[in-house]
Amino acid sequence: MPKKLWFAEQQQIKGNFMKLILILSISLAPIVFCSCSWSSKNGWSWSDSDSVKREKEQNRKIRRKTDRILEVGRINDRGEARRQAKGEVFEEEFFRSLNP
């Protein structure tokens, strides 16, 4: 096979490959960008499932209750206050589930 012909075939293959990459990029871009629900300083957050939303809400409640315990001065150690807050949040959710 002459060298010019081989080079032309390689260029054609390279051109077809670049077209394929371009088409894939264009078709995958909307999927990637539509899956993101919001961005923050920590980066992109993918759409959350219900369990992740519940866990985030529970962590928010624990954080608020921990801050409140420290603010009132009931406990001075942040770790101990967090353990206490976890227990209280669990109790509240447990009793709320029994009496809706």
PDB file of N, CA and C in Angstrom:
ATOM      1  N   MET A   1       0.851  -1.180   0.000  1.00  0.00           N
ATOM      2  CA  MET A   1       0.000   0.000   0.000  1.00  0.00           C
ATOM      3  C   MET A   1       0.896   1.243   0.000  1.00  0.00           C
ATOM      4  N   PRO A   2       0.665   2.127  -0.955  1.00  0.00           N
ATOM      5  CA  PRO A   2       1.483   3.342  -1.008  1.00  0.00           C
ATOM      6  C   PRO A   2       1.292   4.185   0.255  1.00  0.00           C
ATOM      7  N   LYS A   3       2.360   4.903   0.596  1.00  0.00           N
ATOM      8  CA  LYS A   3       2.365   5.689   1.821  1.00  0.00           C
ATOM      9  C   LYS A   3       1.318   6.801   1.787  1.00  0.00           C
ATOM     10  N   LYS A   4       1.103   7.437   0.644  1.00  0.00           N
ATOM     11  CA  LYS A   4       0.108   8.507   0.540  1.00  0.00           C
ATOM     12  C   LYS A   4      -1.298   7.960   0.783  1.00  0.00           C
ATOM     13  N   LEU A   5      -1.585   6.790   0.251  1.00  0.00           N
ATOM     14  CA  LEU A   5      -2.897   6.190   0.423  1.00  0.00           C
ATOM     15  C   LEU A   5      -3.129   5.809   1.888  1.00  0.00           C
ATOM     16  N   TRP A   6      -2.094   5.267   2.530  1.00  0.00           N
ATOM     17  CA  TRP A   6      -2.193   4.891   3.937  1.00  0.00           C
ATOM     18  C   TRP A   6      -2.443   6.123   4.802  1.00  0.00           C
ATOM     19  N   PHE A   7      -1.729   7.212   4.515  1.00  0.00           N
ATOM     20  CA  PHE A   7      -1.889   8.452   5.253  1.00  0.00           C
ATOM     21  C   PHE A   7      -3.298   9.015   5.080  1.00  0.00           C
ATOM     22  N   ALA A   8      -3.840   8.947   3.880  1.00  0.00           N
ATOM     23  CA  ALA A   8      -5.190   9.441   3.606  1.00  0.00           C
ATOM     24  C   ALA A   8      -6.227   8.631   4.380  1.00  0.00           C
ATOM     25  N   GLU A   9      -6.034   7.309   4.466  1.00  0.00           N
ATOM     26  CA  GLU A   9      -6.952   6.470   5.220  1.00  0.00           C
ATOM     27  C   GLU A   9      -6.901   6.809   6.712  1.00  0.00           C
ATOM     28  N   GLN A  10      -5.704   7.055   7.219  1.00  0.00           N
ATOM     29  CA  GLN A  10      -5.556   7.403   8.632  1.00  0.00           C
ATOM     30  C   GLN A  10      -6.246   8.735   8.942  1.00  0.00           C
ATOM     31  N   GLN A  11      -6.133   9.691   8.032  1.00  0.00           N
ATOM     32  CA  GLN A  11      -6.791  10.983   8.223  1.00  0.00           C
ATOM     33  C   GLN A  11      -8.307  10.835   8.201  1.00  0.00           C
ATOM     34  N   GLN A  12      -8.804   9.970   7.330  1.00  0.00           N
ATOM     35  CA  GLN A  12     -10.250   9.742   7.240  1.00  0.00           C
ATOM     36  C   GLN A  12     -10.760   9.081   8.533  1.00  0.00           C
ATOM     37  N   ILE A  13     -10.007   8.111   9.044  1.00  0.00           N
ATOM     38  CA  ILE A  13     -10.391   7.447  10.293  1.00  0.00           C
ATOM     39  C   ILE A  13     -10.385   8.451  11.448  1.00  0.00           C
ATOM     40  N   LYS A  14      -9.363   9.298  11.477  1.00  0.00           N
ATOM     41  CA  LYS A  14      -9.266  10.306  12.525  1.00  0.00           C
ATOM     42  C   LYS A  14     -10.431  11.289  12.430  1.00  0.00           C
ATOM     43  N   GLY A  15     -10.790  11.682  11.233  1.00  0.00           N
ATOM     44  CA  GLY A  15     -11.917  12.600  11.039  1.00  0.00           C
ATOM     45  C   GLY A  15     -13.236  11.975  11.475  1.00  0.00           C
ATOM     46  N   ASN A  16     -13.455  10.700  11.134  1.00  0.00           N
ATOM     47  CA  ASN A  16     -14.675  10.000  11.559  1.00  0.00           C
ATOM     48  C   ASN A  16     -14.731   9.864  13.072  1.00  0.00           C
ATOM     49  N   PHE A  17     -13.585   9.594  13.694  1.00  0.00           N
ATOM     50  CA  PHE A  17     -13.531   9.468  15.140  1.00  0.00           C
ATOM     51  C   PHE A  17     -13.873  10.796  15.818  1.00  0.00           C
ATOM     52  N   MET A  18     -13.361  11.882  15.297  1.00  0.00           N
ATOM     53  CA  MET A  18     -13.650  13.199  15.870  1.00  0.00           C
ATOM     54  C   MET A  18     -15.139  13.543  15.722  1.00  0.00           C
ATOM     55  N   LYS A  19     -15.736  13.170  14.595  1.00  0.00           N
ATOM     56  CA  LYS A  19     -17.175  13.395  14.410  1.00  0.00           C
ATOM     57  C   LYS A  19     -17.977  12.593  15.425  1.00  0.00           C
ATOM     58  N   LEU A  20     -17.576  11.364  15.670  1.00  0.00           N
ATOM     59  CA  LEU A  20     -18.250  10.513  16.642  1.00  0.00           C
ATOM     60  C   LEU A  20     -18.154  11.121  18.043  1.00  0.00           C
ATOM     61  N   ILE A  21     -16.984  11.588  18.415  1.00  0.00           N
ATOM     62  CA  ILE A  21     -16.788  12.218  19.718  1.00  0.00           C
ATOM     63  C   ILE A  21     -17.669  13.458  19.836  1.00  0.00           C
ATOM     64  N   LEU A  22     -17.744  14.253  18.804  1.00  0.00           N
ATOM     65  CA  LEU A  22     -18.574  15.459  18.811  1.00  0.00           C
ATOM     66  C   LEU A  22     -20.049  15.117  18.972  1.00  0.00           C
ATOM     67  N   ILE A  23     -20.515  14.128  18.232  1.00  0.00           N
ATOM     68  CA  ILE A  23     -21.922  13.723  18.321  1.00  0.00           C
ATOM     69  C   ILE A  23     -22.233  13.189  19.715  1.00  0.00           C
ATOM     70  N   LEU A  24     -21.351  12.365  20.272  1.00  0.00           N
ATOM     71  CA  LEU A  24     -21.566  11.844  21.625  1.00  0.00           C
ATOM     72  C   LEU A  24     -21.569  12.958  22.662  1.00  0.00           C
ATOM     73  N   SER A  25     -20.672  13.915  22.518  1.00  0.00           N
ATOM     74  CA  SER A  25     -20.613  15.032  23.462  1.00  0.00           C
ATOM     75  C   SER A  25     -21.893  15.845  23.423  1.00  0.00           C
ATOM     76  N   ILE A  26     -22.377  16.127  22.235  1.00  0.00           N
ATOM     77  CA  ILE A  26     -23.601  16.917  22.092  1.00  0.00           C
ATOM     78  C   ILE A  26     -24.801  16.168  22.646  1.00  0.00           C
ATOM     79  N   SER A  27     -24.857  14.857  22.451  1.00  0.00           N
ATOM     80  CA  SER A  27     -26.017  14.104  22.919  1.00  0.00           C
ATOM     81  C   SER A  27     -25.965  13.844  24.423  1.00  0.00           C
ATOM     82  N   LEU A  28     -24.786  13.746  25.010  1.00  0.00           N
ATOM     83  CA  LEU A  28     -24.682  13.490  26.448  1.00  0.00           C
ATOM     84  C   LEU A  28     -24.738  14.758  27.293  1.00  0.00           C
ATOM     85  N   ALA A  29     -24.428  15.897  26.735  1.00  0.00           N
ATOM     86  CA  ALA A  29     -24.421  17.145  27.495  1.00  0.00           C
ATOM     87  C   ALA A  29     -25.778  17.448  28.143  1.00  0.00           C
ATOM     88  N   PRO A  30     -26.901  17.363  27.428  1.00  0.00           N
ATOM     89  CA  PRO A  30     -28.186  17.650  28.089  1.00  0.00           C
ATOM     90  C   PRO A  30     -28.499  16.683  29.230  1.00  0.00           C
ATOM     91  N   ILE A  31     -28.112  15.428  29.068  1.00  0.00           N
ATOM     92  CA  ILE A  31     -28.366  14.448  30.131  1.00  0.00           C
ATOM     93  C   ILE A  31     -27.588  14.825  31.387  1.00  0.00           C
ATOM     94  N   VAL A  32     -26.341  15.197  31.219  1.00  0.00           N
ATOM     95  CA  VAL A  32     -25.508  15.550  32.367  1.00  0.00           C
ATOM     96  C   VAL A  32     -26.025  16.819  33.034  1.00  0.00           C
ATOM     97  N   PHE A  33     -26.333  17.841  32.260  1.00  0.00           N
ATOM     98  CA  PHE A  33     -26.744  19.107  32.842  1.00  0.00           C
ATOM     99  C   PHE A  33     -28.153  19.058  33.420  1.00  0.00           C
ATOM    100  N   CYS A  34     -29.029  18.227  32.894  1.00  0.00           N
ATOM    101  CA  CYS A  34     -30.387  18.128  33.420  1.00  0.00           C
ATOM    102  C   CYS A  34     -30.441  17.279  34.687  1.00  0.00           C
ATOM    103  N   SER A  35     -29.455  16.454  34.938  1.00  0.00           N
ATOM    104  CA  SER A  35     -29.455  15.627  36.139  1.00  0.00           C
ATOM    105  C   SER A  35     -29.045  16.421  37.368  1.00  0.00           C
ATOM    106  N   CYS A  36     -28.396  17.550  37.174  1.00  0.00           N
ATOM    107  CA  CYS A  36     -27.945  18.341  38.314  1.00  0.00           C
ATOM    108  C   CYS A  36     -29.107  19.178  38.828  1.00  0.00           C
ATOM    109  N   SER A  37     -29.329  19.120  40.134  1.00  0.00           N
ATOM    110  CA  SER A  37     -30.439  19.872  40.683  1.00  0.00           C
ATOM    111  C   SER A  37     -30.012  21.272  41.092  1.00  0.00           C
ATOM    112  N   TRP A  38     -28.831  21.430  41.656  1.00  0.00           N
ATOM    113  CA  TRP A  38     -28.357  22.750  42.056  1.00  0.00           C
ATOM    114  C   TRP A  38     -26.865  22.688  42.287  1.00  0.00           C
ATOM    115  N   SER A  39     -26.249  23.841  42.369  1.00  0.00           N
ATOM    116  CA  SER A  39     -24.829  23.876  42.681  1.00  0.00           C
ATOM    117  C   SER A  39     -24.628  24.741  43.912  1.00  0.00           C
ATOM    118  N   SER A  40     -23.551  24.509  44.594  1.00  0.00           N
ATOM    119  CA  SER A  40     -23.222  25.307  45.764  1.00  0.00           C
ATOM    120  C   SER A  40     -21.717  25.481  45.791  1.00  0.00           C
ATOM    121  N   LYS A  41     -21.213  26.048  46.874  1.00  0.00           N
ATOM    122  CA  LYS A  41     -19.771  26.231  46.971  1.00  0.00           C
ATOM    123  C   LYS A  41     -19.048  24.888  47.063  1.00  0.00           C
ATOM    124  N   ASN A  42     -19.777  23.829  47.437  1.00  0.00           N
ATOM    125  CA  ASN A  42     -19.173  22.502  47.536  1.00  0.00           C
ATOM    126  C   ASN A  42     -19.192  21.752  46.218  1.00  0.00           C
ATOM    127  N   GLY A  43     -19.809  22.300  45.190  1.00  0.00           N
ATOM    128  CA  GLY A  43     -19.864  21.643  43.895  1.00  0.00           C
ATOM    129  C   GLY A  43     -21.282  21.299  43.507  1.00  0.00           C
ATOM    130  N   TRP A  44     -21.412  20.506  42.467  1.00  0.00           N
ATOM    131  CA  TRP A  44     -22.729  20.136  41.967  1.00  0.00           C
ATOM    132  C   TRP A  44     -23.343  19.066  42.833  1.00  0.00           C
ATOM    133  N   SER A  45     -24.638  19.169  43.030  1.00  0.00           N
ATOM    134  CA  SER A  45     -25.369  18.135  43.755  1.00  0.00           C
ATOM    135  C   SER A  45     -26.309  17.457  42.778  1.00  0.00           C
ATOM    136  N   TRP A  46     -26.205  16.147  42.662  1.00  0.00           N
ATOM    137  CA  TRP A  46     -27.090  15.398  41.795  1.00  0.00           C
ATOM    138  C   TRP A  46     -28.438  15.280  42.473  1.00  0.00           C
ATOM    139  N   SER A  47     -29.465  15.076  41.722  1.00  0.00           N
ATOM    140  CA  SER A  47     -30.810  14.978  42.276  1.00  0.00           C
ATOM    141  C   SER A  47     -30.819  13.948  43.400  1.00  0.00           C
ATOM    142  N   ASP A  48     -31.357  14.366  44.538  1.00  0.00           N
ATOM    143  CA  ASP A  48     -31.313  13.524  45.724  1.00  0.00           C
ATOM    144  C   ASP A  48     -32.506  12.590  45.793  1.00  0.00           C
ATOM    145  N   SER A  49     -32.283  11.419  46.350  1.00  0.00           N
ATOM    146  CA  SER A  49     -33.368  10.481  46.589  1.00  0.00           C
ATOM    147  C   SER A  49     -34.061  10.876  47.890  1.00  0.00           C
ATOM    148  N   ASP A  50     -35.178  10.226  48.185  1.00  0.00           N
ATOM    149  CA  ASP A  50     -35.922  10.547  49.398  1.00  0.00           C
ATOM    150  C   ASP A  50     -35.112  10.251  50.652  1.00  0.00           C
ATOM    151  N   SER A  51     -34.355   9.170  50.640  1.00  0.00           N
ATOM    152  CA  SER A  51     -33.574   8.816  51.827  1.00  0.00           C
ATOM    153  C   SER A  51     -32.489   9.855  52.099  1.00  0.00           C
ATOM    154  N   VAL A  52     -31.881  10.379  51.049  1.00  0.00           N
ATOM    155  CA  VAL A  52     -30.853  11.401  51.222  1.00  0.00           C
ATOM    156  C   VAL A  52     -31.486  12.682  51.753  1.00  0.00           C
ATOM    157  N   LYS A  53     -32.664  13.022  51.265  1.00  0.00           N
ATOM    158  CA  LYS A  53     -33.357  14.223  51.754  1.00  0.00           C
ATOM    159  C   LYS A  53     -33.718  14.073  53.224  1.00  0.00           C
ATOM    160  N   ARG A  54     -34.199  12.869  53.617  1.00  0.00           N
ATOM    161  CA  ARG A  54     -34.535  12.635  55.028  1.00  0.00           C
ATOM    162  C   ARG A  54     -33.291  12.739  55.903  1.00  0.00           C
ATOM    163  N   GLU A  55     -32.182  12.178  55.424  1.00  0.00           N
ATOM    164  CA  GLU A  55     -30.940  12.215  56.195  1.00  0.00           C
ATOM    165  C   GLU A  55     -30.446  13.654  56.353  1.00  0.00           C
ATOM    166  N   LYS A  56     -30.541  14.442  55.283  1.00  0.00           N
ATOM    167  CA  LYS A  56     -30.134  15.847  55.373  1.00  0.00           C
ATOM    168  C   LYS A  56     -31.003  16.611  56.356  1.00  0.00           C
ATOM    169  N   GLU A  57     -32.325  16.359  56.323  1.00  0.00           N
ATOM    170  CA  GLU A  57     -33.234  17.027  57.242  1.00  0.00           C
ATOM    171  C   GLU A  57     -32.939  16.622  58.684  1.00  0.00           C
ATOM    172  N   GLN A  58     -32.648  15.341  58.910  1.00  0.00           N
ATOM    173  CA  GLN A  58     -32.333  14.878  60.255  1.00  0.00           C
ATOM    174  C   GLN A  58     -31.024  15.515  60.743  1.00  0.00           C
ATOM    175  N   ASN A  59     -30.023  15.587  59.879  1.00  0.00           N
ATOM    176  CA  ASN A  59     -28.761  16.235  60.264  1.00  0.00           C
ATOM    177  C   ASN A  59     -28.968  17.713  60.573  1.00  0.00           C
ATOM    178  N   ARG A  60     -29.861  18.364  59.833  1.00  0.00           N
ATOM    179  CA  ARG A  60     -30.179  19.771  60.094  1.00  0.00           C
ATOM    180  C   ARG A  60     -30.818  19.923  61.469  1.00  0.00           C
ATOM    181  N   LYS A  61     -31.756  19.017  61.797  1.00  0.00           N
ATOM    182  CA  LYS A  61     -32.406  19.069  63.114  1.00  0.00           C
ATOM    183  C   LYS A  61     -31.393  18.835  64.227  1.00  0.00           C
ATOM    184  N   ILE A  62     -30.506  17.863  64.024  1.00  0.00           N
ATOM    185  CA  ILE A  62     -29.489  17.555  65.037  1.00  0.00           C
ATOM    186  C   ILE A  62     -28.568  18.750  65.228  1.00  0.00           C
ATOM    187  N   ARG A  63     -28.161  19.390  64.119  1.00  0.00           N
ATOM    188  CA  ARG A  63     -27.276  20.553  64.212  1.00  0.00           C
ATOM    189  C   ARG A  63     -27.943  21.701  64.969  1.00  0.00           C
ATOM    190  N   ARG A  64     -29.239  21.952  64.662  1.00  0.00           N
ATOM    191  CA  ARG A  64     -29.953  23.026  65.365  1.00  0.00           C
ATOM    192  C   ARG A  64     -30.095  22.717  66.851  1.00  0.00           C
ATOM    193  N   LYS A  65     -30.438  21.459  67.160  1.00  0.00           N
ATOM    194  CA  LYS A  65     -30.615  21.078  68.558  1.00  0.00           C
ATOM    195  C   LYS A  65     -29.283  21.130  69.297  1.00  0.00           C
ATOM    196  N   THR A  66     -28.185  20.729  68.642  1.00  0.00           N
ATOM    197  CA  THR A  66     -26.855  20.802  69.254  1.00  0.00           C
ATOM    198  C   THR A  66     -26.499  22.247  69.572  1.00  0.00           C
ATOM    199  N   ASP A  67     -26.742  23.137  68.624  1.00  0.00           N
ATOM    200  CA  ASP A  67     -26.459  24.555  68.855  1.00  0.00           C
ATOM    201  C   ASP A  67     -27.295  25.097  70.006  1.00  0.00           C
ATOM    202  N   ARG A  68     -28.535  24.674  70.086  1.00  0.00           N
ATOM    203  CA  ARG A  68     -29.424  25.136  71.156  1.00  0.00           C
ATOM    204  C   ARG A  68     -28.941  24.639  72.522  1.00  0.00           C
ATOM    205  N   ILE A  69     -28.510  23.369  72.594  1.00  0.00           N
ATOM    206  CA  ILE A  69     -28.001  22.814  73.858  1.00  0.00           C
ATOM    207  C   ILE A  69     -26.763  23.579  74.308  1.00  0.00           C
ATOM    208  N   LEU A  70     -25.869  23.881  73.371  1.00  0.00           N
ATOM    209  CA  LEU A  70     -24.655  24.629  73.714  1.00  0.00           C
ATOM    210  C   LEU A  70     -24.989  26.065  74.109  1.00  0.00           C
ATOM    211  N   GLU A  71     -25.962  26.657  73.425  1.00  0.00           N
ATOM    212  CA  GLU A  71     -26.359  28.034  73.697  1.00  0.00           C
ATOM    213  C   GLU A  71     -26.946  28.174  75.099  1.00  0.00           C
ATOM    214  N   VAL A  72     -27.782  27.229  75.474  1.00  0.00           N
ATOM    215  CA  VAL A  72     -28.418  27.269  76.793  1.00  0.00           C
ATOM    216  C   VAL A  72     -27.398  26.973  77.888  1.00  0.00           C
ATOM    217  N   GLY A  73     -26.361  26.217  77.557  1.00  0.00           N
ATOM    218  CA  GLY A  73     -25.326  25.911  78.528  1.00  0.00           C
ATOM    219  C   GLY A  73     -25.586  24.636  79.300  1.00  0.00           C
ATOM    220  N   ARG A  74     -26.498  23.835  78.791  1.00  0.00           N
ATOM    221  CA  ARG A  74     -26.818  22.576  79.460  1.00  0.00           C
ATOM    222  C   ARG A  74     -25.603  21.649  79.456  1.00  0.00           C
ATOM    223  N   ILE A  75     -24.888  21.628  78.337  1.00  0.00           N
ATOM    224  CA  ILE A  75     -23.657  20.841  78.178  1.00  0.00           C
ATOM    225  C   ILE A  75     -22.648  21.739  77.470  1.00  0.00           C
ATOM    226  N   ASN A  76     -21.384  21.677  77.902  1.00  0.00           N
ATOM    227  CA  ASN A  76     -20.368  22.539  77.296  1.00  0.00           C
ATOM    228  C   ASN A  76     -19.561  21.840  76.212  1.00  0.00           C
ATOM    229  N   ASP A  77     -19.486  20.525  76.239  1.00  0.00           N
ATOM    230  CA  ASP A  77     -18.720  19.759  75.251  1.00  0.00           C
ATOM    231  C   ASP A  77     -19.561  19.555  73.996  1.00  0.00           C
ATOM    232  N   ARG A  78     -19.027  19.973  72.844  1.00  0.00           N
ATOM    233  CA  ARG A  78     -19.792  19.893  71.592  1.00  0.00           C
ATOM    234  C   ARG A  78     -20.106  18.446  71.207  1.00  0.00           C
ATOM    235  N   GLY A  79     -19.178  17.528  71.398  1.00  0.00           N
ATOM    236  CA  GLY A  79     -19.414  16.125  71.063  1.00  0.00           C
ATOM    237  C   GLY A  79     -20.525  15.524  71.905  1.00  0.00           C
ATOM    238  N   GLU A  80     -20.472  15.805  73.197  1.00  0.00           N
ATOM    239  CA  GLU A  80     -21.519  15.299  74.095  1.00  0.00           C
ATOM    240  C   GLU A  80     -22.872  15.944  73.771  1.00  0.00           C
ATOM    241  N   ALA A  81     -22.853  17.231  73.439  1.00  0.00           N
ATOM    242  CA  ALA A  81     -24.101  17.917  73.073  1.00  0.00           C
ATOM    243  C   ALA A  81     -24.690  17.308  71.802  1.00  0.00           C
ATOM    244  N   ARG A  82     -23.844  16.939  70.848  1.00  0.00           N
ATOM    245  CA  ARG A  82     -24.331  16.316  69.608  1.00  0.00           C
ATOM    246  C   ARG A  82     -24.942  14.945  69.900  1.00  0.00           C
ATOM    247  N   ARG A  83     -24.290  14.149  70.754  1.00  0.00           N
ATOM    248  CA  ARG A  83     -24.861  12.848  71.116  1.00  0.00           C
ATOM    249  C   ARG A  83     -26.213  13.023  71.792  1.00  0.00           C
ATOM    250  N   GLN A  84     -26.309  13.994  72.681  1.00  0.00           N
ATOM    251  CA  GLN A  84     -27.573  14.274  73.367  1.00  0.00           C
ATOM    252  C   GLN A  84     -28.637  14.710  72.356  1.00  0.00           C
ATOM    253  N   ALA A  85     -28.245  15.558  71.406  1.00  0.00           N
ATOM    254  CA  ALA A  85     -29.184  16.055  70.398  1.00  0.00           C
ATOM    255  C   ALA A  85     -29.672  14.919  69.510  1.00  0.00           C
ATOM    256  N   LYS A  86     -28.777  13.995  69.136  1.00  0.00           N
ATOM    257  CA  LYS A  86     -29.185  12.841  68.320  1.00  0.00           C
ATOM    258  C   LYS A  86     -30.254  12.034  69.038  1.00  0.00           C
ATOM    259  N   GLY A  87     -30.050  11.809  70.316  1.00  0.00           N
ATOM    260  CA  GLY A  87     -31.032  11.056  71.096  1.00  0.00           C
ATOM    261  C   GLY A  87     -32.375  11.767  71.158  1.00  0.00           C
ATOM    262  N   GLU A  88     -32.339  13.071  71.368  1.00  0.00           N
ATOM    263  CA  GLU A  88     -33.587  13.837  71.464  1.00  0.00           C
ATOM    264  C   GLU A  88     -34.323  13.877  70.127  1.00  0.00           C
ATOM    265  N   VAL A  89     -33.586  14.033  69.038  1.00  0.00           N
ATOM    266  CA  VAL A  89     -34.214  14.056  67.707  1.00  0.00           C
ATOM    267  C   VAL A  89     -34.832  12.696  67.415  1.00  0.00           C
ATOM    268  N   PHE A  90     -34.118  11.628  67.765  1.00  0.00           N
ATOM    269  CA  PHE A  90     -34.657  10.282  67.562  1.00  0.00           C
ATOM    270  C   PHE A  90     -35.946  10.102  68.355  1.00  0.00           C
ATOM    271  N   GLU A  91     -35.957  10.527  69.627  1.00  0.00           N
ATOM    272  CA  GLU A  91     -37.160  10.415  70.461  1.00  0.00           C
ATOM    273  C   GLU A  91     -38.330  11.187  69.852  1.00  0.00           C
ATOM    274  N   GLU A  92     -38.050  12.418  69.418  1.00  0.00           N
ATOM    275  CA  GLU A  92     -39.122  13.233  68.824  1.00  0.00           C
ATOM    276  C   GLU A  92     -39.705  12.563  67.595  1.00  0.00           C
ATOM    277  N   GLU A  93     -38.843  12.055  66.721  1.00  0.00           N
ATOM    278  CA  GLU A  93     -39.331  11.411  65.497  1.00  0.00           C
ATOM    279  C   GLU A  93     -40.061  10.104  65.820  1.00  0.00           C
ATOM    280  N   PHE A  94     -39.592   9.380  66.816  1.00  0.00           N
ATOM    281  CA  PHE A  94     -40.230   8.137  67.199  1.00  0.00           C
ATOM    282  C   PHE A  94     -41.650   8.392  67.724  1.00  0.00           C
ATOM    283  N   PHE A  95     -41.766   9.330  68.650  1.00  0.00           N
ATOM    284  CA  PHE A  95     -43.085   9.623  69.215  1.00  0.00           C
ATOM    285  C   PHE A  95     -43.999  10.295  68.208  1.00  0.00           C
ATOM    286  N   ARG A  96     -43.425  11.056  67.296  1.00  0.00           N
ATOM    287  CA  ARG A  96     -44.242  11.677  66.238  1.00  0.00           C
ATOM    288  C   ARG A  96     -44.790  10.616  65.292  1.00  0.00           C
ATOM    289  N   SER A  97     -44.018   9.532  65.079  1.00  0.00           N
ATOM    290  CA  SER A  97     -44.493   8.464  64.199  1.00  0.00           C
ATOM    291  C   SER A  97     -45.613   7.669  64.858  1.00  0.00           C
ATOM    292  N   LEU A  98     -45.622   7.603  66.201  1.00  0.00           N
ATOM    293  CA  LEU A  98     -46.693   6.907  66.901  1.00  0.00           C
ATOM    294  C   LEU A  98     -47.984   7.707  66.941  1.00  0.00           C
ATOM    295  N   ASN A  99     -47.859   9.020  67.083  1.00  0.00           N
ATOM    296  CA  ASN A  99     -49.023   9.921  67.143  1.00  0.00           C
ATOM    297  C   ASN A  99     -48.934  10.963  66.038  1.00  0.00           C
ATOM    298  N   PRO A 100     -49.367  10.622  64.838  1.00  0.00           N
ATOM    299  CA  PRO A 100     -49.222  11.574  63.730  1.00  0.00           C
ATOM    300  C   PRO A 100     -50.127  12.781  63.835  1.00  0.00           C
TER     301      PRO A 100
END
